[in-house]
């Protein structure tokens, strides 16, 4: 069962059939984004060399099925970054793998904390935080490990904001669509019996 309809006694750190299926789909999507040139990592003529949307499946896994699915998807993202790295920066697993696993955790915390306020707000905030987690941790560890100078931060900021905004929008749209589908909210409920309607 999914996180949306599961028995509350099932731990978010337990694999269920739905979580395994969702993880498999999101891992496959992550691999496609990572292997097909120009999709997951979009080349840019700037300091980073590319923008990424490959963290989106990790965020969605975290929001829709919990931290376990999110972290498994994030691990896949990180391993792809590590194995396909062409620079020393991403050949370091502390830079390429560890932050991507944590992306699977932070959106879930935000989503669970805000879901009772409003679904779209919670999903958007989770998407933003997930993207920010990727950028902040990768940059912070890269600077700490001496791969990048601190002066790179203002150069990367516009791209980081654009990635976070895109993650926010996609997380809202996809989360809303999944909630509608899983809960079968396809139309507003009738307030009158069909035979009493004037048409």
Protein backbone atom coordinates (compact mmCIF):
# COMPACT_ATOMS: atom_id res chain seq x y z
CA UNK A 1 0.00 0.00 0.00
CA UNK A 2 1.11 3.57 -0.57
CA UNK A 3 1.99 6.14 2.04
CA UNK A 4 -1.27 7.88 1.15
CA UNK A 5 -3.49 4.92 1.99
CA UNK A 6 -1.31 2.68 4.12
CA UNK A 7 -2.10 1.54 7.60
CA UNK A 8 -0.53 4.04 9.97
CA UNK A 9 1.17 1.16 11.79
CA UNK A 10 3.42 0.49 8.79
CA UNK A 11 6.71 2.29 9.35
CA UNK A 12 7.86 4.75 6.71
CA UNK A 13 11.18 2.88 6.85
CA UNK A 14 9.56 -0.43 5.82
CA UNK A 15 9.35 -1.63 2.24
CA UNK A 16 5.82 -2.42 1.09
CA UNK A 17 4.76 -3.65 -2.34
CA UNK A 18 3.77 -0.15 -3.41
CA UNK A 19 7.02 1.34 -2.20
CA UNK A 20 9.09 -1.30 -4.01
CA UNK A 21 7.20 -0.67 -7.26
CA UNK A 22 7.47 3.10 -6.89
CA UNK A 23 11.17 2.87 -6.04
CA UNK A 24 11.78 0.71 -9.12
CA UNK A 25 10.01 3.20 -11.39
CA UNK A 26 11.82 6.20 -9.92
CA UNK A 27 15.21 4.44 -10.00
CA UNK A 28 14.62 3.60 -13.68
CA UNK A 29 13.67 7.22 -14.37
CA UNK A 30 16.77 8.43 -12.54
CA UNK A 31 18.97 6.12 -14.62
CA UNK A 32 17.37 7.37 -17.84
CA UNK A 33 17.87 10.99 -16.81
CA UNK A 34 21.47 10.24 -15.93
CA UNK A 35 22.40 8.25 -19.03
CA UNK A 36 20.60 10.12 -21.81
CA UNK A 37 22.74 13.14 -22.69
CA UNK A 38 21.24 16.57 -22.11
CA UNK A 39 18.18 15.42 -20.12
CA UNK A 40 19.12 14.92 -16.48
CA UNK A 41 22.14 17.17 -16.70
CA UNK A 42 21.55 20.10 -19.03
CA UNK A 43 24.82 21.63 -20.29
CA UNK A 44 25.31 25.28 -19.35
CA UNK A 45 28.17 27.68 -20.08
CA UNK A 46 28.74 28.56 -16.43
CA UNK A 47 30.88 27.60 -13.44
CA UNK A 48 29.07 24.30 -12.81
CA UNK A 49 28.90 23.23 -16.45
CA UNK A 50 25.33 21.95 -16.18
CA UNK A 51 21.96 22.31 -14.51
CA UNK A 52 20.20 19.24 -13.20
CA UNK A 53 16.66 17.92 -12.89
CA UNK A 54 17.88 14.48 -11.86
CA UNK A 55 17.02 15.17 -8.24
CA UNK A 56 13.28 15.43 -9.09
CA UNK A 57 12.57 11.64 -8.88
CA UNK A 58 14.30 11.54 -5.49
CA UNK A 59 12.14 14.39 -4.20
CA UNK A 60 8.97 12.74 -5.55
CA UNK A 61 9.88 9.39 -4.02
CA UNK A 62 10.41 11.07 -0.65
CA UNK A 63 7.14 13.02 -0.79
CA UNK A 64 4.89 10.30 -2.21
CA UNK A 65 6.25 7.16 -0.53
CA UNK A 66 8.44 8.28 2.34
CA UNK A 67 12.13 8.61 3.14
CA UNK A 68 13.10 5.01 2.37
CA UNK A 69 12.04 5.25 -1.28
CA UNK A 70 13.51 8.75 -1.48
CA UNK A 71 16.88 7.66 -0.14
CA UNK A 72 17.06 4.60 -2.42
CA UNK A 73 16.34 6.83 -5.42
CA UNK A 74 18.84 9.39 -4.14
CA UNK A 75 21.48 6.68 -3.76
CA UNK A 76 20.95 5.78 -7.42
CA UNK A 77 21.34 9.44 -8.39
CA UNK A 78 24.54 9.67 -6.36
CA UNK A 79 26.04 6.47 -7.75
CA UNK A 80 25.35 7.66 -11.29
CA UNK A 81 27.10 10.95 -10.54
CA UNK A 82 30.03 9.07 -9.02
CA UNK A 83 30.47 6.44 -11.76
CA UNK A 84 30.08 8.92 -14.61
CA UNK A 85 32.22 11.65 -13.05
CA UNK A 86 34.79 13.31 -15.29
CA UNK A 87 36.21 15.63 -12.61
CA UNK A 88 37.77 14.95 -9.20
CA UNK A 89 34.88 16.86 -7.62
CA UNK A 90 32.29 14.16 -8.32
CA UNK A 91 34.74 11.28 -8.00
CA UNK A 92 34.55 11.97 -4.28
CA UNK A 93 31.54 10.04 -2.87
CA UNK A 94 31.17 12.60 -0.09
CA UNK A 95 30.26 15.11 -2.82
CA UNK A 96 28.49 12.92 -5.37
CA UNK A 97 26.66 10.33 -3.23
CA UNK A 98 26.08 11.49 0.36
CA UNK A 99 24.10 14.69 -0.43
CA UNK A 100 21.87 12.81 -2.88
CA UNK A 101 20.88 10.27 -0.21
CA UNK A 102 19.91 13.12 2.13
CA UNK A 103 17.67 14.57 -0.63
CA UNK A 104 15.50 11.53 0.04
CA UNK A 105 14.97 12.59 3.64
CA UNK A 106 14.54 16.37 3.84
CA UNK A 107 11.52 16.74 1.49
CA UNK A 108 9.65 14.07 3.44
CA UNK A 109 10.24 15.89 6.73
CA UNK A 110 8.95 19.15 5.24
CA UNK A 111 5.97 17.50 3.52
CA UNK A 112 4.83 15.65 6.64
CA UNK A 113 5.20 18.80 8.75
CA UNK A 114 3.16 20.98 6.37
CA UNK A 115 0.69 18.53 4.80
CA UNK A 116 -2.07 19.32 7.28
CA UNK A 117 -1.90 23.00 6.40
CA UNK A 118 -2.37 22.58 2.66
CA UNK A 119 -1.28 19.84 0.25
CA UNK A 120 0.07 22.02 -2.57
CA UNK A 121 1.94 24.28 -0.15
CA UNK A 122 3.50 21.24 1.51
CA UNK A 123 4.48 19.69 -1.82
CA UNK A 124 5.95 22.95 -3.12
CA UNK A 125 7.94 23.53 0.05
CA UNK A 126 9.21 19.94 -0.07
CA UNK A 127 10.30 20.36 -3.69
CA UNK A 128 12.11 23.58 -2.90
CA UNK A 129 13.84 22.11 0.16
CA UNK A 130 14.84 18.97 -1.75
CA UNK A 131 16.47 20.99 -4.50
CA UNK A 132 18.14 23.30 -1.99
CA UNK A 133 19.45 20.26 -0.09
CA UNK A 134 21.18 19.06 -3.24
CA UNK A 135 22.76 22.43 -4.04
CA UNK A 136 23.75 23.41 -0.51
CA UNK A 137 25.27 20.08 0.48
CA UNK A 138 27.14 19.50 -2.78
CA UNK A 139 28.59 23.03 -2.69
CA UNK A 140 29.35 22.98 1.04
CA UNK A 141 31.16 19.64 0.90
CA UNK A 142 32.98 20.55 -2.33
CA UNK A 143 34.24 23.77 -0.74
CA UNK A 144 35.12 22.00 2.51
CA UNK A 145 37.06 19.33 0.59
CA UNK A 146 38.92 22.00 -1.39
CA UNK A 147 37.49 21.26 -4.83
CA UNK A 148 35.82 24.66 -5.23
CA UNK A 149 36.55 28.15 -3.87
CA UNK A 150 34.02 29.94 -1.69
CA UNK A 151 33.78 32.61 -4.41
CA UNK A 152 31.79 30.18 -6.59
CA UNK A 153 28.67 30.53 -4.44
CA UNK A 154 27.32 33.78 -5.99
CA UNK A 155 28.05 32.39 -9.46
CA UNK A 156 25.94 29.30 -8.81
CA UNK A 157 23.10 31.06 -7.00
CA UNK A 158 20.96 31.99 -10.05
CA UNK A 159 21.08 28.42 -11.34
CA UNK A 160 20.30 27.05 -7.88
CA UNK A 161 17.23 29.29 -7.60
CA UNK A 162 16.02 28.25 -11.06
CA UNK A 163 16.43 24.56 -10.20
CA UNK A 164 14.57 25.04 -6.90
CA UNK A 165 11.68 26.86 -8.58
CA UNK A 166 11.37 24.12 -11.22
CA UNK A 167 11.46 21.45 -8.50
CA UNK A 168 8.76 23.34 -6.59
CA UNK A 169 6.43 23.51 -9.58
CA UNK A 170 6.94 19.89 -10.68
CA UNK A 171 6.50 18.55 -7.15
CA UNK A 172 3.21 20.42 -6.73
CA UNK A 173 1.82 19.28 -10.08
CA UNK A 174 2.88 15.64 -9.83
CA UNK A 175 1.96 15.25 -6.15
CA UNK A 176 -1.50 16.70 -6.79
CA UNK A 177 -1.99 14.38 -9.78
CA UNK A 178 -0.93 11.32 -7.78
CA UNK A 179 -3.19 12.23 -4.85
CA UNK A 180 -6.14 12.67 -7.22
CA UNK A 181 -5.46 9.34 -8.93
CA UNK A 182 -4.89 7.35 -5.75
CA UNK A 183 -7.88 8.79 -3.99
CA UNK A 184 -9.97 8.64 -7.17
CA UNK A 185 -10.98 12.29 -6.84
CA UNK A 186 -11.98 12.64 -10.45
CA UNK A 187 -14.84 15.13 -10.04
CA UNK A 188 -16.65 17.10 -7.38
CA UNK A 189 -19.24 15.04 -5.51
CA UNK A 190 -22.87 15.52 -6.53
CA UNK A 191 -24.87 17.49 -3.98
CA UNK A 192 -28.17 16.33 -5.45
CA UNK A 193 -29.38 12.98 -6.66
CA UNK A 194 -28.87 12.61 -10.40
CA UNK A 195 -32.62 12.33 -11.04
CA UNK A 196 -33.15 15.70 -9.29
CA UNK A 197 -30.71 17.58 -11.51
CA UNK A 198 -32.28 19.90 -14.12
CA UNK A 199 -30.26 18.48 -17.02
